[in-house]
Amino acid sequence: MVLDILLFRKSEGGDPEVVRASQRARFASVELVDEVIALDELWRKTRFSLDEAKKSIGKLKKDLAPISIARKKGEAVDLEREAALLKQKAEIEAALPALEEAEAKAKAATETKLNLVGNLVHPSVPISDLEANNLEVKKWGEAKKLEGGYTHPELLSMIDGYDQERGVKVGGHRAYFLKGWGVKLNHALIMYGLDFLEKNGYTRMHTPFFMRREVMALTAQLSDFDDSLYHVGEGQVKDPDDKDEKYLIATAEQPLSAFHYQEWLQPKELPILYAGISTNFRKEAGAHGKDTWGIFRVHQFEKVEQFVLTEPSKSWEMHERMLRLSEEFYQSLGFPYHVVAIVSGALNNSAAKKYDLEAWFPKMGEYKELVSCSNCTDYQSRSLEVRCGGKKEGSKKKEYVHMLNSTLSATERTLCCLLENCQCPDGIIIPAPLRQYVGGVEKIPFTKLPPKKPKM
């Protein structure tokens, strides 16, 4: 995932100060920009030297051609000149491997450093490095703390909907078994989410659960490989050059972003709207001690995802539409929520702007994130070489599609929110849109007493 290298080149119309300003907004390294510029200049010099050497070899071959033809015809040739040309050609060819190695190393160093620079922050993003300063931009429903009642882990146990103790015994920390009504409600949320998006023009996509390492590297941050992603292999991580090395996906966004890998899309084909459904796997390395009871924060979960490819001029309009669809989905379920614009310092590298929709958990008395909605502009598509239209005549700049992603429902999390918002004294009232997926049942009765909170 990278910015356009032309942004760093003043000589080609770029403005490095725009990138520096964006890095400052992210509270990230501004020095990275100057490091990229220095490495890029070195790369271009080594590339120039390599190109000049190849040109020289080509010219020498051209100069030698008439001598070779004359010899074949039995004509006299200038042996001294031929020897000099052959010697010069041999010397340059001998130096070529070193020049090629230097150019490859300079290019790799430039690309590695460029990958660390974040996407350009949109002007509307609130500037701060404290998530407490996320800006509330919308609010729906009444966020009222519930006196009495139960939390979502208690409620899921009371309808006999999961078994965490046996899940941990079998799968380790944060593992669980969904059962009975837990499975039914989870599947209902998946089906309703997919139907909801299909009615709004999206195509259903069931993605692979794992990706080849070299493709994952084009769409996931490098830090994710250690912090978030599970490696699929035998024992230790394999050789990075091993083409069979794979990682489990952390979101459908990852395989969907690569679905059109190295393709040229025409404006008439856009926008392309995908409703991704996948099981996702995350280490949650930075979440030690958070939400350890229940299924809100787990290593394996299902998610219905919006993923969209658009023309660059239409991506910001699409960003707002994707957020509106997520809002309509949660309004239909009756969950109070607010939407916050994420501060610049908390944006991941690929996002130019991100909204979170946080739904209200009445017993816990707090808003918790259910949706992240991001516009990644051309930051992902540039690495994946997903182009938009043809190259304009006389322009060095390539046009790429813009890629956007938004959760519709991480269904286990949505299930937690449903339980707290839809509880009544003797059970759970099923939201009306979900009843068609559970045989028309309106209420799930409690069948077990509330559990004691386990020691984690």
Foldseek 3Di string as FASTA:
>chain_A
DFDDLVLLDVVNVHPLVLLLVQCVLQVHDSVLSVVLNVLVVQLVVLVVVLVVLVVLLVVLVVVCVVQVVCVVVVHDHDPVVNVVSVVVNVVSVVCNVVSVVSNVVSVVVSVVSRLVRFDRADPVFARDQDQVPFAFDWWDDDQAADDDDDALLLQCVQLVQKAVVVQCVPPNAQGIGGDDVVVLQLVLVVVLLVVLVVVVPADEDEDDQKDFPVLLPLADRPVCVPAWWDWDDPPDQDDNVPRPTMIGAQDPQSVVLLPQFQHEAEQVVDWHKHFYKYKHATPPNVQPPHPRRANQDGGIFIFTKIKIWHFLVCQVVVLVVVVVSLVVLVVLQPWIWTKTKGRSNPDDRQFNTKIFIFTHQNNVSDTHTFKIKGWSFCGSCVSRNHFYDDDDPPDPDTHHITMIMMTSGRSSNVSSSQSRVQDDPFFGAGRPSSCVSVVNDGTRGGDDHRDDDDDD
